[in-house]
Protein backbone atom coordinates (compact mmCIF):
# COMPACT_ATOMS: atom_id res chain seq x y z
CA MET A 1 -5.89 54.70 24.18
CA SER A 2 -9.18 52.81 24.73
CA LYS A 3 -10.56 49.49 23.77
CA TYR A 4 -14.43 48.58 23.96
CA SER A 5 -15.59 44.99 23.06
CA LYS A 6 -19.45 43.96 22.75
CA ASN A 7 -21.34 41.49 20.68
CA LEU A 8 -23.65 43.37 18.01
CA ILE A 9 -26.26 42.36 15.76
CA THR A 10 -27.39 43.28 12.33
CA ASP A 11 -30.53 42.28 9.97
CA SER A 12 -29.27 44.24 7.18
CA GLY A 13 -25.72 42.64 6.42
CA MET A 14 -24.00 45.71 7.45
CA PHE A 15 -22.59 47.48 10.58
CA ALA A 16 -20.89 50.95 10.65
CA VAL A 17 -19.07 53.47 12.99
CA TRP A 18 -21.16 56.58 12.61
CA ASP A 19 -21.17 60.16 14.02
CA TYR A 20 -24.37 60.47 16.32
CA SER A 21 -24.95 64.46 15.75
CA THR A 22 -25.03 63.96 12.27
CA TYR A 23 -27.94 61.26 12.49
CA ALA A 24 -29.44 62.79 15.64
CA GLN A 25 -32.75 63.70 13.54
CA ILE A 26 -33.31 60.18 12.58
CA ASP A 27 -36.28 58.61 14.69
CA ASP A 28 -38.16 56.54 12.27
CA TYR A 29 -37.71 54.78 9.20
CA ASP A 30 -38.88 57.16 6.94
CA LYS A 31 -35.94 59.30 7.91
CA TRP A 32 -33.49 56.48 7.86
CA GLU A 33 -34.14 54.77 4.64
CA PRO A 34 -33.02 57.85 2.19
CA LEU A 35 -29.73 57.77 3.82
CA PHE A 36 -28.89 54.07 4.21
CA VAL A 37 -30.94 51.91 1.79
CA GLU A 38 -29.09 52.34 -1.68
CA ASP A 39 -25.27 52.13 -2.05
CA LYS A 40 -25.24 55.83 -3.87
CA ASP A 41 -26.86 57.01 -0.63
CA ILE A 42 -24.38 55.45 1.80
CA GLU A 43 -21.24 56.43 -0.33
CA THR A 44 -22.52 59.72 0.12
CA GLN A 45 -22.41 59.29 3.82
CA ILE A 46 -18.89 57.87 3.61
CA LYS A 47 -17.75 60.85 1.42
CA ASN A 48 -19.26 63.20 4.14
CA ALA A 49 -16.85 61.44 6.49
CA SER A 50 -19.81 60.91 8.95
CA PHE A 51 -19.98 57.07 8.23
CA THR A 52 -17.61 54.23 8.06
CA PRO A 53 -19.22 50.89 6.74
CA VAL A 54 -18.28 47.29 8.13
CA TYR A 55 -19.98 45.66 5.45
CA PHE A 56 -19.86 41.72 6.01
CA HIS A 57 -22.65 40.85 3.37
CA GLN A 58 -24.20 38.54 6.26
CA ASP A 59 -26.75 39.01 8.72
CA GLY A 60 -26.18 37.88 12.07
CA PHE A 61 -24.40 38.46 15.77
CA PHE A 62 -20.75 39.13 15.84
CA GLY A 63 -18.20 40.07 18.31
CA PHE A 64 -16.40 43.78 18.01
CA THR A 65 -13.59 45.19 19.70
CA LEU A 66 -13.02 48.98 19.00
CA LYS A 67 -9.70 50.47 19.66
CA ILE A 68 -8.91 54.18 19.65
CA ASP A 69 -5.08 55.11 19.20
CA GLU A 70 -4.13 51.74 20.02
CA GLU A 71 -2.80 49.11 17.39
CA LEU A 72 -3.47 45.41 16.93
CA ASP A 73 -1.64 43.29 19.56
CA GLU A 74 0.53 40.15 18.21
CA ARG A 75 -2.23 37.62 18.92
CA GLU A 76 -4.68 39.79 17.06
CA SER A 77 -2.48 40.23 14.13
CA LYS A 78 -1.58 36.59 13.82
CA TYR A 79 -5.44 35.94 12.69
CA ILE A 80 -6.17 38.67 10.29
CA ILE A 81 -8.06 37.49 7.61
CA VAL A 82 -8.38 40.68 5.42
CA LYS A 83 -8.26 44.46 6.50
CA SER A 84 -9.68 47.57 4.68
CA ASP A 85 -7.68 50.33 3.49
CA GLU A 86 -8.26 53.52 5.82
CA TYR A 87 -11.50 55.44 5.79
CA LEU A 88 -11.82 59.04 7.02
CA PHE A 89 -14.21 59.98 9.61
CA HIS A 90 -15.20 63.03 11.26
CA ALA A 91 -16.24 63.02 15.08
CA ASN A 92 -18.22 65.51 16.77
CA GLY A 93 -18.47 63.95 20.17
CA LYS A 94 -20.55 60.76 20.38
CA THR A 95 -19.58 58.20 18.15
CA VAL A 96 -21.34 54.66 17.61
CA LEU A 97 -20.44 51.18 16.17
CA SER A 98 -23.68 49.31 15.53
CA GLY A 99 -25.23 47.61 12.76
CA ILE A 100 -26.85 49.96 10.37
CA ASP A 101 -30.32 48.94 11.17
CA TYR A 102 -29.76 50.79 14.62
CA ILE A 103 -28.69 54.00 13.30
CA ASP A 104 -31.22 56.17 15.28
CA SER A 105 -31.35 59.05 17.87
CA LYS A 106 -32.55 56.72 20.30
CA VAL A 107 -29.64 54.38 20.09
CA ARG A 108 -29.01 52.20 23.30
CA SER A 109 -25.66 50.94 24.91
CA ASP A 110 -26.97 47.33 24.73
CA GLU A 111 -27.05 47.38 20.86
CA ALA A 112 -23.92 49.47 20.28
CA ILE A 113 -20.69 50.65 21.14
CA ILE A 114 -20.92 54.09 22.33
CA VAL A 115 -17.89 56.32 22.85
CA ASP A 116 -17.01 60.14 23.07
CA LEU A 117 -14.35 61.31 20.77
CA PRO A 118 -13.47 64.63 20.87
CA GLU A 119 -14.25 66.74 17.89
CA GLY A 120 -11.77 65.88 14.86
CA TYR A 121 -10.52 63.96 12.07
CA TYR A 122 -10.06 60.29 12.13
CA SER A 123 -8.86 57.55 10.30
CA ILE A 124 -10.63 54.02 10.60
CA LYS A 125 -9.33 50.85 9.66
CA VAL A 126 -11.35 47.66 9.85
CA TYR A 127 -9.91 44.02 10.38
CA LEU A 128 -11.81 40.76 10.03
CA ILE A 129 -10.37 37.94 12.32
CA ALA A 130 -10.14 34.39 12.15
CA TRP A 131 -11.17 33.80 15.57
CA ASP A 132 -12.10 30.38 15.41
CA GLU A 133 -8.64 29.16 13.85
CA GLU A 134 -6.89 30.23 17.38
CA PRO A 135 -6.08 27.00 19.56
CA GLY A 136 -8.31 27.43 22.86
CA ALA A 137 -11.23 29.53 20.85
CA PHE A 138 -13.75 26.79 21.86
CA LEU A 139 -14.20 25.17 25.32
CA GLU A 140 -14.36 21.48 25.75
CA ASN A 141 -18.34 21.50 25.46
CA GLY A 142 -18.35 23.40 21.97
CA ASP A 143 -19.05 26.65 23.39
CA THR A 144 -16.96 29.90 22.42
CA SER A 145 -14.28 30.56 25.23
CA PRO A 146 -15.00 34.09 26.98
CA ASN A 147 -11.30 34.69 26.00
CA ALA A 148 -11.86 33.96 22.30
CA LEU A 149 -10.81 36.84 19.74
CA PRO A 150 -13.43 39.05 18.31
CA ASP A 151 -14.77 38.75 14.43
CA CYS A 152 -13.82 42.09 13.82
CA ILE A 153 -11.67 44.80 15.15
CA VAL A 154 -12.08 48.49 14.34
CA VAL A 155 -9.07 50.71 14.78
CA VAL A 156 -9.81 54.47 15.15
CA ARG A 157 -6.59 56.71 14.95
CA SER A 158 -6.91 60.40 15.82
CA ASN A 159 -5.33 63.36 13.98
CA ALA A 160 -6.07 62.09 10.43
CA ASP A 161 -4.89 64.01 7.46
CA LYS A 162 -8.00 64.67 5.80
CA ASN A 163 -6.26 65.46 2.49
CA LYS A 164 -4.78 62.21 1.68
CA PRO A 165 -6.94 59.60 -0.21
CA TYR A 166 -9.08 57.32 1.62
CA ARG A 167 -11.35 54.54 1.04
CA MET A 168 -15.07 55.42 -0.23
CA SER A 169 -16.57 52.35 -0.89
CA VAL A 170 -19.46 50.72 0.59
CA ASN A 171 -17.74 47.22 0.39
CA THR A 172 -15.21 47.40 3.39
CA PHE A 173 -13.03 44.82 1.96
CA SER A 174 -13.32 43.97 -1.47
CA GLU A 175 -11.04 45.29 -4.25
CA ASP A 176 -13.63 45.39 -6.81
CA ASP A 177 -15.47 48.95 -6.30
């Protein structure tokens, strides 16, 4: 069981959990663009189980926690706004959580959460958290407390059953696919 936290940024409105080895050939926009600009292309990546979208439809800087084989605790569960259905993910070692616009062979640890996952199938569920509704989320001066919950928690569970149905939508949370 592991837990990683970091603030991440995107200028594309979408974050993602992605398998590094699948996209290791991407080193410029011409290689990135045919895989990630159109929804139908992103859906192909989802169906290949190498990409899980975390789609806020909003650019910006967001706090993330990535949990591996660890459930949400009572505090986190209390502030869930919405959760996704499970996505299927196939890891081949290095796994990355970053803005979709940071999918690149040269991704750096200051712009992503990078973890090593043993080769295998995993399920991923994404939780949007109302961190700002928790008492104490802000300091007296109005700044965010260093103890505040993140905007989003991504839970990765090992030993996924690859034969059951999983979410295939680019839209992480919406029911209108």
